[in-house]
């Protein structure tokens, strides 16, 4: 039942277009809803299951863009193709870095992102800023509708009230997660909670304010969340809160100029003790049945995808169709059309070279297809240049494929246990307390053993920070982490590490320091004078 609701029933999708959910976000985004449905009324709440459906609407915004099919958008000013949450996150974190190339540079915003020449008018940047703030607005609306006063007024039963306590914690977590991505990508955000008047001009929070809010909020709701792995599929639990906290602590020197590696280790230890286990097969994490195969206890939080209930052009649909090579026409093996999207995605050579060497020939994480291709991409429009990658697929671990040959069933693994192991090691190497050398070695070697990598008996002497950065790429490529990792290691901007087409140079050129942050979208600046443009834009 929950699999269906969160992959997502129509009643949940309708909540995406209700005016009440947009009323607190339209001013700061300079956008308006396309639907004139009435506000949620008394009749809606007569059925106490409505509260769960209302919560599903908050989750739905992470997967859907509208209710009239995959090309529809429920927000004026945001196109479906440039505002699906997981897709724009993938673009901003991965396409902007050293792993991925998108062939079709006439797609709005992609050329600018992958060549690092973006501006405040880029539609993908607006899509991320806008979609995340809509999640915040939906969460705020849910919290306004579930106050004690509202529940008293509607004579809500004690049993439903107990469930709503957990629902409210989940809504607050999704709101905090949205602020986390705003902090990471933009360094500021329009800030509002359910306590603010619906039509009030939102405040603008700085990176430091956002960090403090996220940290405080996630700790405050922990007791009300379900234990790790105890919630229904694709609903957040304590593990998701711990993961976000571990992430902000790992990156705290970037965000607030303070080292918090001990705190990162503390939350990694909580996650490791939480019952999560590595999938028996690396590839299970990226298959159409990753909600039920051995990956279900490795994936800490997914963005749901389903060929029936959530048809959208999200990250897994994009990557699986895009991974079909122009020469190979390997779509049938991936569970999509034989030609896929005709070579939409290819690999930059710097990523390919991380798998060079004999020890990687049998590495299960190495899904690179070279064939007769050149490793160099001298012409982005030439889809026959550059290697292609088979990582994600619409195939099931037990045989067969997803229900649709375009819109895949493969959930996107936003957070998973393998990342926790790598964070634990990195935080230890950076001076954090609370980790042991023996555990660090065991966690890293467990990843390499699963990958069938012969070099799986590493000792502490082998596990350096440079090794961790490369191993994060080998383990977590195309999972929307790379830009953040390169910034933390001081290799995104400047010229000490260049990659193909960095800064619009075929061999890469240095980027100015201000590009560690994206610009605030021009439309958002115009609608909220409390926001200020980031330096350099």
Protein backbone atom coordinates (compact mmCIF):
# COMPACT_ATOMS: atom_id res chain seq x y z
CA UNK A 1 0.00 0.00 0.00
CA UNK A 2 2.68 2.52 0.96
CA UNK A 3 4.70 1.61 -2.09
CA UNK A 4 1.73 2.73 -4.16
CA UNK A 5 1.01 5.89 -2.18
CA UNK A 6 4.54 7.12 -2.38
CA UNK A 7 4.96 6.12 -6.03
CA UNK A 8 2.18 7.99 -5.94
CA UNK A 9 -1.64 7.75 -5.97
CA UNK A 10 -3.56 10.45 -7.81
CA UNK A 11 -5.05 11.79 -4.60
CA UNK A 12 -1.53 12.62 -3.45
CA UNK A 13 -0.55 14.23 -6.73
CA UNK A 14 -3.56 16.51 -6.63
CA UNK A 15 -2.21 18.05 -3.47
CA UNK A 16 0.66 19.46 -5.47
CA UNK A 17 -1.56 22.05 -7.15
CA UNK A 18 -3.66 23.26 -4.26
CA UNK A 19 -3.50 27.03 -3.94
CA UNK A 20 -3.06 26.87 -0.18
CA UNK A 21 0.22 25.03 -0.55
CA UNK A 22 1.57 27.69 -2.87
CA UNK A 23 0.34 30.78 -1.08
CA UNK A 24 3.44 31.05 1.09
CA UNK A 25 5.92 30.56 -1.73
CA UNK A 26 4.67 32.43 -4.77
CA UNK A 27 5.95 35.80 -3.67
CA UNK A 28 9.51 34.70 -3.06
CA UNK A 29 9.69 32.70 -6.30
CA UNK A 30 7.84 35.07 -8.61
CA UNK A 31 5.73 32.13 -9.73
CA UNK A 32 2.05 31.26 -9.51
CA UNK A 33 0.19 27.96 -9.45
CA UNK A 34 -1.58 26.93 -12.64
CA UNK A 35 -4.58 25.41 -10.89
CA UNK A 36 -7.52 27.22 -9.29
CA UNK A 37 -8.74 24.42 -7.08
CA UNK A 38 -10.38 25.49 -3.83
CA UNK A 39 -8.45 25.60 -0.62
CA UNK A 40 -8.48 22.54 1.58
CA UNK A 41 -11.76 22.62 3.43
CA UNK A 42 -13.73 20.93 6.17
CA UNK A 43 -14.90 18.11 3.92
CA UNK A 44 -11.33 17.10 3.08
CA UNK A 45 -10.46 16.52 6.71
CA UNK A 46 -13.62 14.58 7.61
CA UNK A 47 -11.75 11.47 6.56
CA UNK A 48 -8.83 11.14 8.97
CA UNK A 49 -6.75 9.34 6.33
CA UNK A 50 -6.55 12.73 4.62
CA UNK A 51 -3.64 13.69 6.86
CA UNK A 52 -1.54 10.90 5.43
CA UNK A 53 -2.51 11.92 1.90
CA UNK A 54 -1.59 15.50 2.68
CA UNK A 55 1.82 14.33 3.86
CA UNK A 56 2.17 12.29 0.66
CA UNK A 57 1.79 15.55 -1.24
CA UNK A 58 4.91 16.90 0.46
CA UNK A 59 6.85 13.80 -0.57
CA UNK A 60 5.33 13.91 -4.06
CA UNK A 61 7.06 17.19 -4.84
CA UNK A 62 10.38 15.33 -4.73
CA UNK A 63 9.29 13.19 -7.69
CA UNK A 64 6.55 14.95 -9.63
CA UNK A 65 6.30 18.27 -11.43
CA UNK A 66 2.59 18.28 -12.28
CA UNK A 67 -0.57 16.21 -12.59
CA UNK A 68 -1.08 16.21 -16.36
CA UNK A 69 1.73 13.86 -17.28
CA UNK A 70 5.52 14.00 -17.21
CA UNK A 71 5.77 17.21 -19.24
CA UNK A 72 3.37 19.16 -17.04
CA UNK A 73 4.46 21.70 -14.46
CA UNK A 74 2.26 22.90 -11.65
CA UNK A 75 4.21 26.13 -11.24
CA UNK A 76 4.13 29.05 -13.64
CA UNK A 77 7.64 29.94 -14.70
CA UNK A 78 9.14 26.50 -14.04
CA UNK A 79 9.34 23.96 -16.86
CA UNK A 80 8.92 20.28 -15.99
CA UNK A 81 12.25 19.38 -17.57
CA UNK A 82 14.20 21.95 -15.59
CA UNK A 83 12.46 21.70 -12.22
CA UNK A 84 12.14 18.00 -11.32
CA UNK A 85 13.93 17.90 -7.99
CA UNK A 86 16.21 14.90 -8.48
CA UNK A 87 17.10 15.85 -12.05
CA UNK A 88 18.16 19.41 -11.28
CA UNK A 89 20.05 18.20 -8.22
CA UNK A 90 21.92 15.75 -10.43
CA UNK A 91 22.72 18.50 -12.92
CA UNK A 92 23.98 20.96 -10.31
CA UNK A 93 26.04 18.41 -8.36
CA UNK A 94 27.24 16.05 -11.13
CA UNK A 95 26.88 17.62 -14.58
CA UNK A 96 28.79 20.65 -13.30
CA UNK A 97 31.81 18.51 -12.36
CA UNK A 98 34.14 15.88 -13.81
CA UNK A 99 32.02 12.79 -14.44
CA UNK A 100 29.23 13.45 -16.93
CA UNK A 101 28.62 15.14 -20.29
CA UNK A 102 25.16 15.88 -21.75
CA UNK A 103 25.13 15.77 -25.54
CA UNK A 104 22.10 17.94 -26.28
CA UNK A 105 23.27 21.43 -25.40
CA UNK A 106 20.13 22.98 -26.85
CA UNK A 107 18.31 21.70 -23.75
CA UNK A 108 17.77 24.83 -21.64
CA UNK A 109 20.53 25.47 -19.14
CA UNK A 110 22.57 22.32 -19.69
CA UNK A 111 25.33 23.92 -21.77
CA UNK A 112 25.93 26.55 -19.13
CA UNK A 113 25.97 24.06 -16.25
CA UNK A 114 28.36 21.54 -17.79
CA UNK A 115 30.73 24.20 -19.11
CA UNK A 116 30.63 26.16 -15.81
CA UNK A 117 29.44 29.37 -17.48
CA UNK A 118 26.10 29.71 -15.71
CA UNK A 119 24.38 32.94 -14.76
CA UNK A 120 21.48 34.04 -12.57
CA UNK A 121 19.13 33.46 -15.51
CA UNK A 122 19.87 29.74 -15.88
CA UNK A 123 16.55 27.81 -15.83
CA UNK A 124 18.07 24.79 -14.07
CA UNK A 125 19.28 26.99 -11.23
CA UNK A 126 15.82 28.57 -10.99
CA UNK A 127 14.30 25.09 -11.08
CA UNK A 128 16.30 23.91 -8.08
CA UNK A 129 15.69 27.10 -6.13
CA UNK A 130 11.98 27.04 -6.94
CA UNK A 131 11.23 23.35 -6.47
CA UNK A 132 13.01 23.23 -3.11
CA UNK A 133 11.09 26.21 -1.84
CA UNK A 134 7.84 24.59 -2.93
CA UNK A 135 8.68 21.57 -0.73
CA UNK A 136 9.21 24.04 2.11
CA UNK A 137 5.83 25.62 1.38
CA UNK A 138 4.09 22.24 1.29
CA UNK A 139 5.69 21.26 4.60
CA UNK A 140 4.67 24.56 6.17
CA UNK A 141 1.11 24.05 4.98
CA UNK A 142 0.98 20.53 6.40
CA UNK A 143 2.20 21.81 9.75
CA UNK A 144 -0.39 24.62 9.78
CA UNK A 145 -3.14 22.07 9.13
CA UNK A 146 -2.04 19.76 11.94
CA UNK A 147 -1.72 22.04 14.94
CA UNK A 148 -3.34 20.95 18.18
CA UNK A 149 -5.94 23.68 17.72
CA UNK A 150 -6.88 22.42 14.25
CA UNK A 151 -7.03 18.81 15.43
CA UNK A 152 -9.21 19.81 18.41
CA UNK A 153 -11.53 21.73 16.12
CA UNK A 154 -11.94 18.65 13.89
CA UNK A 155 -12.27 16.18 16.81
CA UNK A 156 -9.44 14.06 15.47
CA UNK A 157 -9.12 10.70 17.22
CA UNK A 158 -6.31 9.87 19.63
CA UNK A 159 -5.00 7.15 17.30
CA UNK A 160 -4.73 9.53 14.35
CA UNK A 161 -3.14 12.20 16.54
CA UNK A 162 -0.40 9.74 17.46
CA UNK A 163 0.27 9.12 13.77
CA UNK A 164 0.21 12.84 13.01
CA UNK A 165 2.97 13.39 15.55
CA UNK A 166 5.24 11.28 13.34
CA UNK A 167 3.88 12.89 10.17
CA UNK A 168 4.75 16.33 11.49
CA UNK A 169 8.31 15.24 12.24
CA UNK A 170 8.62 13.92 8.68
CA UNK A 171 7.33 17.18 7.22
CA UNK A 172 9.85 19.11 9.30
CA UNK A 173 12.61 16.79 8.12
CA UNK A 174 11.72 17.31 4.45
CA UNK A 175 11.72 21.06 5.05
CA UNK A 176 15.13 20.88 6.75
CA UNK A 177 16.46 18.77 3.87
CA UNK A 178 15.34 21.43 1.42
CA UNK A 179 17.13 24.07 3.45
CA UNK A 180 20.22 21.81 3.48
CA UNK A 181 20.36 21.83 -0.31
CA UNK A 182 19.78 25.59 -0.38
CA UNK A 183 22.66 26.05 2.07
CA UNK A 184 24.94 23.80 0.03
CA UNK A 185 24.14 25.13 -3.45
CA UNK A 186 23.23 28.77 -2.86
CA UNK A 187 24.49 29.73 0.59
CA UNK A 188 21.17 31.39 1.41
CA UNK A 189 17.44 30.85 1.11
CA UNK A 190 14.07 32.46 1.58
CA UNK A 191 13.24 31.35 5.10
CA UNK A 192 9.79 30.70 6.47
CA UNK A 193 8.11 28.22 8.77
CA UNK A 194 4.51 27.48 9.67
CA UNK A 195 4.75 30.25 12.27
CA UNK A 196 5.03 32.92 9.57
CA UNK A 197 1.96 34.56 8.08
CA UNK A 198 1.11 33.01 4.74
CA UNK A 199 1.60 36.13 2.68
CA UNK A 200 4.47 37.61 4.67
CA UNK A 201 7.66 38.58 2.86
CA UNK A 202 10.12 35.80 3.76
CA UNK A 203 13.34 36.52 5.53
CA UNK A 204 16.62 35.65 3.83
CA UNK A 205 18.77 33.30 5.88
CA UNK A 206 22.54 33.18 5.47
CA UNK A 207 24.59 29.98 5.36
CA UNK A 208 25.37 30.24 9.06
CA UNK A 209 21.72 30.78 9.96
CA UNK A 210 20.65 27.87 7.79
CA UNK A 211 23.29 25.60 9.33
CA UNK A 212 22.13 26.46 12.83
CA UNK A 213 18.48 25.97 11.90
CA UNK A 214 19.02 22.59 10.17
CA UNK A 215 21.13 21.29 13.05
CA UNK A 216 18.66 22.40 15.71
CA UNK A 217 15.56 21.28 13.82
CA UNK A 218 16.81 17.77 13.01
CA UNK A 219 17.83 17.18 16.60
CA UNK A 220 14.49 18.49 17.85
CA UNK A 221 12.42 16.05 15.78
CA UNK A 222 14.56 12.94 16.27
CA UNK A 223 12.45 11.42 19.04
CA UNK A 224 9.27 11.74 16.97
CA UNK A 225 10.67 10.00 13.89
CA UNK A 226 10.46 6.26 13.43
CA UNK A 227 13.58 4.20 14.01
CA UNK A 228 15.84 3.39 11.05
CA UNK A 229 14.21 0.95 8.61
CA UNK A 230 10.96 0.97 10.62
CA UNK A 231 8.99 3.29 8.37
CA UNK A 232 7.18 2.52 5.13
CA UNK A 233 9.09 2.62 1.87
CA UNK A 234 10.31 6.10 0.88
CA UNK A 235 9.20 7.72 4.13
CA UNK A 236 11.85 9.40 6.23
CA UNK A 237 13.01 8.08 9.59
CA UNK A 238 15.73 8.79 12.14
CA UNK A 239 18.36 7.52 9.70
CA UNK A 240 17.57 10.26 7.20
CA UNK A 241 17.90 12.93 9.89
CA UNK A 242 21.22 11.43 11.01
CA UNK A 243 22.45 11.35 7.42
CA UNK A 244 21.75 15.03 6.84
CA UNK A 245 23.45 15.89 10.13
CA UNK A 246 26.50 13.81 9.17
CA UNK A 247 26.58 15.64 5.83
CA UNK A 248 26.44 19.13 7.30
CA UNK A 249 29.13 18.25 9.83
CA UNK A 250 31.42 16.76 7.17
CA UNK A 251 31.10 19.98 5.17
CA UNK A 252 31.01 22.38 8.12
CA UNK A 253 34.37 23.97 7.28
CA UNK A 254 32.91 24.94 3.90
CA UNK A 255 29.58 26.10 5.31
CA UNK A 256 30.54 27.92 8.52
CA UNK A 257 34.34 27.79 8.71
CA UNK A 258 34.38 25.37 11.64
CA UNK A 259 35.60 21.77 11.77
CA UNK A 260 32.95 19.37 13.04
CA UNK A 261 34.43 16.03 12.06
CA UNK A 262 33.89 14.49 15.49
CA UNK A 263 30.20 15.30 15.21
CA UNK A 264 30.19 13.74 11.75
CA UNK A 265 31.66 10.54 13.16
CA UNK A 266 29.08 10.53 15.96
CA UNK A 267 26.25 10.44 13.44
CA UNK A 268 28.02 7.97 11.18
CA UNK A 269 28.26 5.68 14.20
CA UNK A 270 24.52 6.08 14.81
CA UNK A 271 23.81 5.16 11.20
CA UNK A 272 26.16 2.18 11.21
CA UNK A 273 24.47 0.89 14.36
CA UNK A 274 21.03 1.53 12.88
CA UNK A 275 20.63 -1.82 11.15
CA UNK A 276 21.56 -0.83 7.62
CA UNK A 277 23.53 -3.36 5.59
CA UNK A 278 25.32 -3.23 2.26
CA UNK A 279 23.47 -4.72 -0.68
CA UNK A 280 24.93 -8.09 -1.61
CA UNK A 281 25.49 -6.80 -5.14
CA UNK A 282 26.56 -3.22 -5.87
CA UNK A 283 24.28 -3.11 -8.91
CA UNK A 284 21.18 -3.86 -6.84
CA UNK A 285 21.25 -0.25 -5.63
CA UNK A 286 20.53 0.97 -9.15
CA UNK A 287 17.96 -1.52 -10.46
CA UNK A 288 14.20 -1.37 -10.97
CA UNK A 289 13.50 -3.42 -7.83
CA UNK A 290 15.89 -1.57 -5.51
CA UNK A 291 12.99 -1.03 -3.11
CA UNK A 292 12.72 -4.79 -2.42
CA UNK A 293 16.04 -6.40 -3.42
CA UNK A 294 19.14 -6.51 -1.19
CA UNK A 295 19.57 -2.73 -1.59
CA UNK A 296 16.47 -1.99 0.50
CA UNK A 297 18.57 -2.02 3.68
CA UNK A 298 21.43 -0.03 2.15
CA UNK A 299 19.41 2.84 0.71
CA UNK A 300 18.71 5.21 3.57
CA UNK A 301 16.42 7.50 1.56
CA UNK A 302 15.27 7.18 -2.06
CA UNK A 303 13.57 9.49 -4.50
CA UNK A 304 10.82 7.26 -5.81
CA UNK A 305 10.39 6.46 -9.48
CA UNK A 306 7.70 4.30 -11.02
CA UNK A 307 6.73 3.74 -14.64
CA UNK A 308 3.03 3.74 -13.72
CA UNK A 309 2.46 6.09 -10.80
CA UNK A 310 5.20 8.71 -11.05
CA UNK A 311 5.96 9.17 -14.72
CA UNK A 312 8.43 12.04 -14.86
CA UNK A 313 11.76 12.96 -16.39
CA UNK A 314 13.63 12.50 -13.14
CA UNK A 315 17.24 11.44 -12.55
CA UNK A 316 16.94 7.70 -13.09
CA UNK A 317 14.77 8.04 -16.19
CA UNK A 318 17.30 10.54 -17.55
CA UNK A 319 20.36 8.46 -16.71
CA UNK A 320 19.04 5.11 -17.93
CA UNK A 321 17.70 6.41 -21.23
CA UNK A 322 20.74 8.67 -21.53
CA UNK A 323 23.17 5.79 -20.98
CA UNK A 324 22.15 4.13 -24.23
CA UNK A 325 25.12 4.73 -26.52
CA UNK A 326 24.80 6.12 -30.02
CA UNK A 327 26.98 3.26 -31.29
CA UNK A 328 26.08 0.49 -28.85
CA UNK A 329 22.26 0.91 -28.89
CA UNK A 330 22.27 -1.02 -25.62
CA UNK A 331 18.84 0.07 -24.41
CA UNK A 332 17.26 -3.38 -24.42
CA UNK A 333 19.71 -4.61 -21.79
CA UNK A 334 18.89 -1.58 -19.63
CA UNK A 335 15.12 -2.09 -19.89
CA UNK A 336 14.34 0.88 -22.12
CA UNK A 337 14.03 1.37 -25.86
CA UNK A 338 16.92 -0.07 -27.87
CA UNK A 339 18.04 3.38 -29.04
CA UNK A 340 17.26 5.14 -25.77
CA UNK A 341 18.00 8.82 -26.10
CA UNK A 342 20.65 8.27 -28.72
CA UNK A 343 23.80 8.90 -26.73
CA UNK A 344 22.63 11.70 -24.48
CA UNK A 345 25.15 10.95 -21.72
CA UNK A 346 28.85 10.19 -21.84
CA UNK A 347 31.83 10.26 -19.50
CA UNK A 348 34.57 12.82 -19.06
CA UNK A 349 37.97 11.18 -19.27
CA UNK A 350 39.03 12.15 -15.74
CA UNK A 351 36.37 9.84 -14.32
CA UNK A 352 37.29 7.07 -16.74
CA UNK A 353 40.90 7.23 -15.61
CA UNK A 354 39.90 6.46 -12.01
CA UNK A 355 39.24 2.93 -13.23
CA UNK A 356 42.47 2.60 -15.21
CA UNK A 357 44.76 -0.22 -14.20
CA UNK A 358 44.44 -3.97 -14.04
CA UNK A 359 43.01 -4.08 -10.52
CA UNK A 360 39.82 -2.46 -11.77
CA UNK A 361 39.15 -4.81 -14.69
CA UNK A 362 36.70 -6.87 -12.66
CA UNK A 363 35.47 -4.10 -10.37
CA UNK A 364 31.67 -4.36 -10.21
CA UNK A 365 31.40 -0.60 -10.00
CA UNK A 366 33.11 -0.19 -13.36
CA UNK A 367 30.22 0.03 -15.79
CA UNK A 368 32.28 1.86 -18.40
CA UNK A 369 31.84 0.81 -22.04
CA UNK A 370 34.72 1.87 -24.27
CA UNK A 371 34.43 -0.25 -27.41
CA UNK A 372 35.86 1.61 -30.38
CA UNK A 373 35.26 4.98 -28.79
CA UNK A 374 37.86 7.63 -28.02
CA UNK A 375 38.30 8.62 -24.40
CA UNK A 376 38.59 12.27 -25.43
CA UNK A 377 35.55 14.44 -26.09
CA UNK A 378 36.74 17.24 -28.33
CA UNK A 379 33.26 17.98 -29.69
CA UNK A 380 30.40 17.71 -27.18
CA UNK A 381 27.85 17.39 -29.98
CA UNK A 382 29.60 14.28 -31.36
CA UNK A 383 27.81 11.50 -29.50
CA UNK A 384 30.28 8.89 -30.74
CA UNK A 385 33.11 10.48 -28.73
CA UNK A 386 33.67 9.57 -25.11
CA UNK A 387 32.93 6.36 -23.24
CA UNK A 388 29.44 5.51 -22.01
CA UNK A 389 28.33 4.13 -18.66
CA UNK A 390 25.95 1.39 -17.60
CA UNK A 391 25.27 1.98 -13.90
CA UNK A 392 21.54 2.47 -13.53
CA UNK A 393 19.08 0.16 -15.25
CA UNK A 394 15.37 -0.56 -15.50
CA UNK A 395 16.09 -4.28 -15.06
CA UNK A 396 15.13 -6.30 -11.99
CA UNK A 397 17.56 -8.38 -9.99
CA UNK A 398 15.25 -11.39 -10.34
CA UNK A 399 14.84 -11.00 -14.11
CA UNK A 400 12.55 -8.91 -16.23
CA UNK A 401 12.20 -5.16 -16.43
CA UNK A 402 10.16 -2.21 -15.21
CA UNK A 403 6.65 -1.69 -16.50
CA UNK A 404 7.50 1.09 -18.96
CA UNK A 405 10.32 1.39 -21.49
CA UNK A 406 10.80 5.13 -20.98
CA UNK A 407 9.72 5.96 -17.43
CA UNK A 408 11.69 3.65 -15.21
CA UNK A 409 10.89 1.91 -11.93
CA UNK A 410 14.33 2.59 -10.46
CA UNK A 411 14.39 4.71 -7.31
CA UNK A 412 17.22 7.22 -7.04
CA UNK A 413 19.39 6.43 -3.97
CA UNK A 414 19.74 9.91 -2.48
CA UNK A 415 21.48 8.57 0.63
CA UNK A 416 22.95 5.11 1.23
CA UNK A 417 25.16 3.26 3.70
CA UNK A 418 28.24 3.13 1.45
CA UNK A 419 28.47 6.92 1.70
CA UNK A 420 28.37 6.65 5.49
CA UNK A 421 31.40 4.35 5.46
CA UNK A 422 33.30 6.81 3.28
CA UNK A 423 32.31 9.78 5.44
CA UNK A 424 33.43 7.92 8.56
CA UNK A 425 36.87 7.34 7.05
CA UNK A 426 37.24 10.89 5.77
CA UNK A 427 36.14 12.49 9.04
CA UNK A 428 38.67 10.30 10.90
CA UNK A 429 41.46 11.29 8.52
CA UNK A 430 40.56 14.95 8.98
CA UNK A 431 41.03 14.69 12.73
CA UNK A 432 37.64 13.75 14.08
CA UNK A 433 37.45 11.71 17.28
CA UNK A 434 35.33 8.63 17.91
CA UNK A 435 36.44 6.44 15.00
CA UNK A 436 38.82 3.51 15.09
CA UNK A 437 41.46 2.62 12.54
CA UNK A 438 40.27 -0.98 12.52
CA UNK A 439 36.70 0.05 11.74
CA UNK A 440 37.84 2.45 9.04
CA UNK A 441 39.81 -0.31 7.35
CA UNK A 442 36.91 -2.73 7.67
CA UNK A 443 34.35 -0.33 6.20
CA UNK A 444 36.50 0.66 3.22
CA UNK A 445 37.51 -2.92 2.50
CA UNK A 446 33.89 -4.06 2.67
CA UNK A 447 33.07 -1.72 -0.21
CA UNK A 448 35.99 -2.98 -2.26
CA UNK A 449 35.24 -6.62 -1.49
CA UNK A 450 31.67 -6.17 -2.65
CA UNK A 451 33.00 -4.55 -5.81
CA UNK A 452 35.13 -7.63 -6.48
CA UNK A 453 38.22 -5.47 -6.32
CA UNK A 454 41.36 -7.54 -5.69
CA UNK A 455 42.87 -4.68 -3.72
CA UNK A 456 40.47 -5.21 -0.82
CA UNK A 457 42.95 -5.63 2.01
CA UNK A 458 43.89 -1.99 2.42
CA UNK A 459 45.50 -0.79 5.62
CA UNK A 460 45.40 2.65 7.17
CA UNK A 461 48.59 3.56 5.29
CA UNK A 462 46.72 3.07 2.01
CA UNK A 463 43.65 5.07 3.01
CA UNK A 464 44.61 8.69 2.47
CA UNK A 465 42.38 11.68 1.81
CA UNK A 466 43.30 11.57 -1.87
CA UNK A 467 42.32 7.92 -1.94
CA UNK A 468 38.98 8.74 -0.30
CA UNK A 469 38.17 11.39 -2.90
CA UNK A 470 38.85 8.94 -5.72
CA UNK A 471 37.04 6.11 -3.96
CA UNK A 472 33.99 8.33 -3.45
CA UNK A 473 33.93 8.82 -7.22
CA UNK A 474 34.28 5.10 -7.90
CA UNK A 475 31.56 4.20 -5.41
CA UNK A 476 29.15 7.16 -5.66
CA UNK A 477 29.45 8.43 -9.23
CA UNK A 478 26.27 9.85 -10.76
CA UNK A 479 24.62 10.02 -7.32
CA UNK A 480 24.67 13.85 -6.98
CA UNK A 481 27.66 14.22 -4.64
CA UNK A 482 30.64 15.17 -6.82
CA UNK A 483 30.52 18.97 -6.83
CA UNK A 484 30.16 18.99 -3.04
CA UNK A 485 33.08 16.58 -2.69
CA UNK A 486 35.37 18.57 -4.96
CA UNK A 487 34.58 21.79 -3.10
CA UNK A 488 35.33 20.15 0.25
CA UNK A 489 38.68 18.93 -1.10
CA UNK A 490 39.52 22.34 -2.60
CA UNK A 491 39.45 21.08 -6.21
CA UNK A 492 36.30 22.51 -7.74
CA UNK A 493 37.45 26.07 -8.27
CA UNK A 494 40.96 27.25 -9.03
CA UNK A 495 43.27 25.41 -11.40
CA UNK A 496 44.93 22.73 -9.26
CA UNK A 497 42.54 20.16 -10.77
CA UNK A 498 41.03 20.61 -14.22
CA UNK A 499 38.75 18.32 -16.17
CA UNK A 500 37.47 18.22 -19.73
CA UNK A 501 35.33 21.30 -20.48
CA UNK A 502 35.78 22.79 -17.03
CA UNK A 503 35.31 26.53 -17.45
CA UNK A 504 34.45 25.98 -21.15
CA UNK A 505 37.97 24.87 -22.09
CA UNK A 506 38.27 21.52 -23.83
CA UNK A 507 41.10 20.56 -21.47
CA UNK A 508 39.73 22.56 -18.56
CA UNK A 509 40.66 25.93 -17.11
CA UNK A 510 40.60 27.42 -13.62
CA UNK A 511 37.31 28.57 -12.14
CA UNK A 512 37.03 31.66 -9.92
CA UNK A 513 36.38 31.03 -6.22
CA UNK A 514 32.90 32.54 -6.25
CA UNK A 515 31.66 29.59 -8.34
CA UNK A 516 31.60 27.41 -5.24
CA UNK A 517 28.10 28.84 -4.94
CA UNK A 518 25.43 29.18 -7.57
CA UNK A 519 23.83 32.58 -8.13
CA UNK A 520 20.48 33.45 -6.66
CA UNK A 521 18.02 33.31 -9.59
CA UNK A 522 17.25 36.73 -11.00
CA UNK A 523 13.50 36.14 -10.72
CA UNK A 524 13.79 35.35 -7.01
CA UNK A 525 15.94 38.41 -6.34
CA UNK A 526 13.36 40.59 -8.04
CA UNK A 527 10.53 39.25 -5.89
CA UNK A 528 12.24 39.30 -2.48
CA UNK A 529 14.40 42.33 -1.64
CA UNK A 530 15.68 40.50 1.45
CA UNK A 531 17.80 38.26 -0.77
CA UNK A 532 21.20 39.46 -1.98
CA UNK A 533 23.10 38.18 -4.99
CA UNK A 534 26.08 35.99 -4.23
CA UNK A 535 29.49 37.57 -4.75
CA UNK A 536 30.80 37.45 -8.29
CA UNK A 537 27.44 37.31 -10.09
